Amino acid sequence: MDMLIRLMIYVLFIYQWMIIACIALTWLPELQKNKVAEFLSRTVDPFLVPFRKVFPPIGGFNIAPLIALGLLQLAIRGLSQW
């Protein structure tokens, strides 16, 4: 069971970095058309869509990914204390 929890923490940690990479790619529009960016978008967007519905962009600033990252961080901390 301990190994399964460690694996879940590892997967969530990688997923956090994928979200951070997607955030960074929004600042570099010329890089959004490559295969890696498309893979990241297809992987991360299904998780971010509900957050975008609840927290729409305010003044051109999208806080939904930050809230999603916070939720993932809480999940990682909760699993690591288990």
C-alpha atoms as a PDB file:
ATOM      1  CA  MET A   1       0.000   0.000   0.000  1.00  0.00           C
ATOM      2  CA  ASP A   2       2.881   2.336   0.816  1.00  0.00           C
ATOM      3  CA  MET A   3       4.259   1.883  -2.692  1.00  0.00           C
ATOM      4  CA  LEU A   4       0.877   2.750  -4.233  1.00  0.00           C
ATOM      5  CA  ILE A   5       0.677   5.989  -2.232  1.00  0.00           C
ATOM      6  CA  ARG A   6       4.211   6.919  -3.283  1.00  0.00           C
ATOM      7  CA  LEU A   7       3.280   6.268  -6.905  1.00  0.00           C
ATOM      8  CA  MET A   8       0.180   8.460  -6.583  1.00  0.00           C
ATOM      9  CA  ILE A   9       2.248  11.263  -5.045  1.00  0.00           C
ATOM     10  CA  TYR A  10       4.785  10.951  -7.868  1.00  0.00           C
ATOM     11  CA  VAL A  11       2.069  11.078 -10.552  1.00  0.00           C
ATOM     12  CA  LEU A  12       0.439  14.131  -8.941  1.00  0.00           C
ATOM     13  CA  PHE A  13       3.833  15.835  -8.700  1.00  0.00           C
ATOM     14  CA  ILE A  14       4.484  15.257 -12.408  1.00  0.00           C
ATOM     15  CA  TYR A  15       0.963  16.477 -13.227  1.00  0.00           C
ATOM     16  CA  GLN A  16       1.672  19.699 -11.311  1.00  0.00           C
ATOM     17  CA  TRP A  17       4.721  20.315 -13.469  1.00  0.00           C
ATOM     18  CA  MET A  18       2.669  19.633 -16.580  1.00  0.00           C
ATOM     19  CA  ILE A  19       0.210  22.351 -15.500  1.00  0.00           C
ATOM     20  CA  ILE A  20       3.096  24.729 -14.837  1.00  0.00           C
ATOM     21  CA  ALA A  21       4.475  23.982 -18.312  1.00  0.00           C
ATOM     22  CA  CYS A  22       1.065  24.760 -19.844  1.00  0.00           C
ATOM     23  CA  ILE A  23       0.957  28.054 -17.946  1.00  0.00           C
ATOM     24  CA  ALA A  24       4.415  28.932 -19.263  1.00  0.00           C
ATOM     25  CA  LEU A  25       3.376  28.038 -22.816  1.00  0.00           C
ATOM     26  CA  THR A  26       0.555  30.589 -22.686  1.00  0.00           C
ATOM     27  CA  TRP A  27       3.241  33.270 -22.501  1.00  0.00           C
ATOM     28  CA  LEU A  28       4.986  31.861 -25.583  1.00  0.00           C
ATOM     29  CA  PRO A  29       2.318  31.560 -28.281  1.00  0.00           C
ATOM     30  CA  GLU A  30       4.792  30.524 -30.991  1.00  0.00           C
ATOM     31  CA  LEU A  31       5.533  27.328 -29.039  1.00  0.00           C
ATOM     32  CA  GLN A  32       1.877  26.342 -28.586  1.00  0.00           C
ATOM     33  CA  LYS A  33       1.695  24.605 -31.963  1.00  0.00           C
ATOM     34  CA  ASN A  34       4.268  21.855 -31.402  1.00  0.00           C
ATOM     35  CA  LYS A  35       3.517  18.239 -30.448  1.00  0.00           C
ATOM     36  CA  VAL A  36       4.656  18.567 -26.822  1.00  0.00           C
ATOM     37  CA  ALA A  37       2.417  21.586 -26.224  1.00  0.00           C
ATOM     38  CA  GLU A  38      -0.541  19.799 -27.807  1.00  0.00           C
ATOM     39  CA  PHE A  39       0.080  16.724 -25.629  1.00  0.00           C
ATOM     40  CA  LEU A  40       0.282  18.879 -22.497  1.00  0.00           C
ATOM     41  CA  SER A  41      -2.892  20.706 -23.422  1.00  0.00           C
ATOM     42  CA  ARG A  42      -4.824  17.487 -24.101  1.00  0.00           C
ATOM     43  CA  THR A  43      -3.598  16.031 -20.811  1.00  0.00           C
ATOM     44  CA  VAL A  44      -4.112  19.042 -18.543  1.00  0.00           C
ATOM     45  CA  ASP A  45      -7.200  20.758 -19.991  1.00  0.00           C
ATOM     46  CA  PRO A  46      -9.753  18.151 -18.844  1.00  0.00           C
ATOM     47  CA  PHE A  47      -8.627  18.763 -15.255  1.00  0.00           C
ATOM     48  CA  LEU A  48      -8.617  22.563 -15.630  1.00  0.00           C
ATOM     49  CA  VAL A  49     -11.994  22.981 -17.379  1.00  0.00           C
ATOM     50  CA  PRO A  50     -14.123  22.719 -14.192  1.00  0.00           C
ATOM     51  CA  PHE A  51     -11.881  25.272 -12.479  1.00  0.00           C
ATOM     52  CA  ARG A  52     -12.207  27.631 -15.454  1.00  0.00           C
ATOM     53  CA  LYS A  53     -15.992  27.384 -15.237  1.00  0.00           C
ATOM     54  CA  VAL A  54     -16.017  28.298 -11.544  1.00  0.00           C
ATOM     55  CA  PHE A  55     -13.197  30.876 -11.752  1.00  0.00           C
ATOM     56  CA  PRO A  56     -13.404  32.684 -15.121  1.00  0.00           C
ATOM     57  CA  PRO A  57     -10.546  34.987 -16.157  1.00  0.00           C
ATOM     58  CA  ILE A  58     -10.566  38.314 -14.352  1.00  0.00           C
ATOM     59  CA  GLY A  59      -9.109  41.171 -16.350  1.00  0.00           C
ATOM     60  CA  GLY A  60      -7.291  38.778 -18.661  1.00  0.00           C
ATOM     61  CA  PHE A  61      -5.706  36.918 -15.734  1.00  0.00           C
ATOM     62  CA  ASN A  62      -6.709  33.268 -15.357  1.00  0.00           C
ATOM     63  CA  ILE A  63      -6.461  32.074 -11.746  1.00  0.00           C
ATOM     64  CA  ALA A  64      -7.982  28.634 -12.413  1.00  0.00           C
ATOM     65  CA  PRO A  65      -4.601  26.888 -12.916  1.00  0.00           C
ATOM     66  CA  LEU A  66      -3.311  28.366  -9.662  1.00  0.00           C
ATOM     67  CA  ILE A  67      -6.307  27.044  -7.761  1.00  0.00           C
ATOM     68  CA  ALA A  68      -5.895  23.656  -9.446  1.00  0.00           C
ATOM     69  CA  LEU A  69      -2.220  23.616  -8.434  1.00  0.00           C
ATOM     70  CA  GLY A  70      -3.226  24.417  -4.864  1.00  0.00           C
ATOM     71  CA  LEU A  71      -5.692  21.543  -4.844  1.00  0.00           C
ATOM     72  CA  LEU A  72      -3.064  19.155  -6.185  1.00  0.00           C
ATOM     73  CA  GLN A  73      -0.635  20.360  -3.520  1.00  0.00           C
ATOM     74  CA  LEU A  74      -3.238  19.638  -0.824  1.00  0.00           C
ATOM     75  CA  ALA A  75      -3.752  16.158  -2.273  1.00  0.00           C
ATOM     76  CA  ILE A  76      -0.004  15.494  -2.260  1.00  0.00           C
ATOM     77  CA  ARG A  77       0.331  16.665   1.336  1.00  0.00           C
ATOM     78  CA  GLY A  78      -2.658  14.602   2.399  1.00  0.00           C
ATOM     79  CA  LEU A  79      -1.285  11.479   0.758  1.00  0.00           C
ATOM     80  CA  SER A  80       2.186  11.997   2.175  1.00  0.00           C
ATOM     81  CA  GLN A  81       0.766  12.143   5.719  1.00  0.00           C
ATOM     82  CA  TRP A  82      -1.223   8.980   5.234  1.00  0.00           C
END
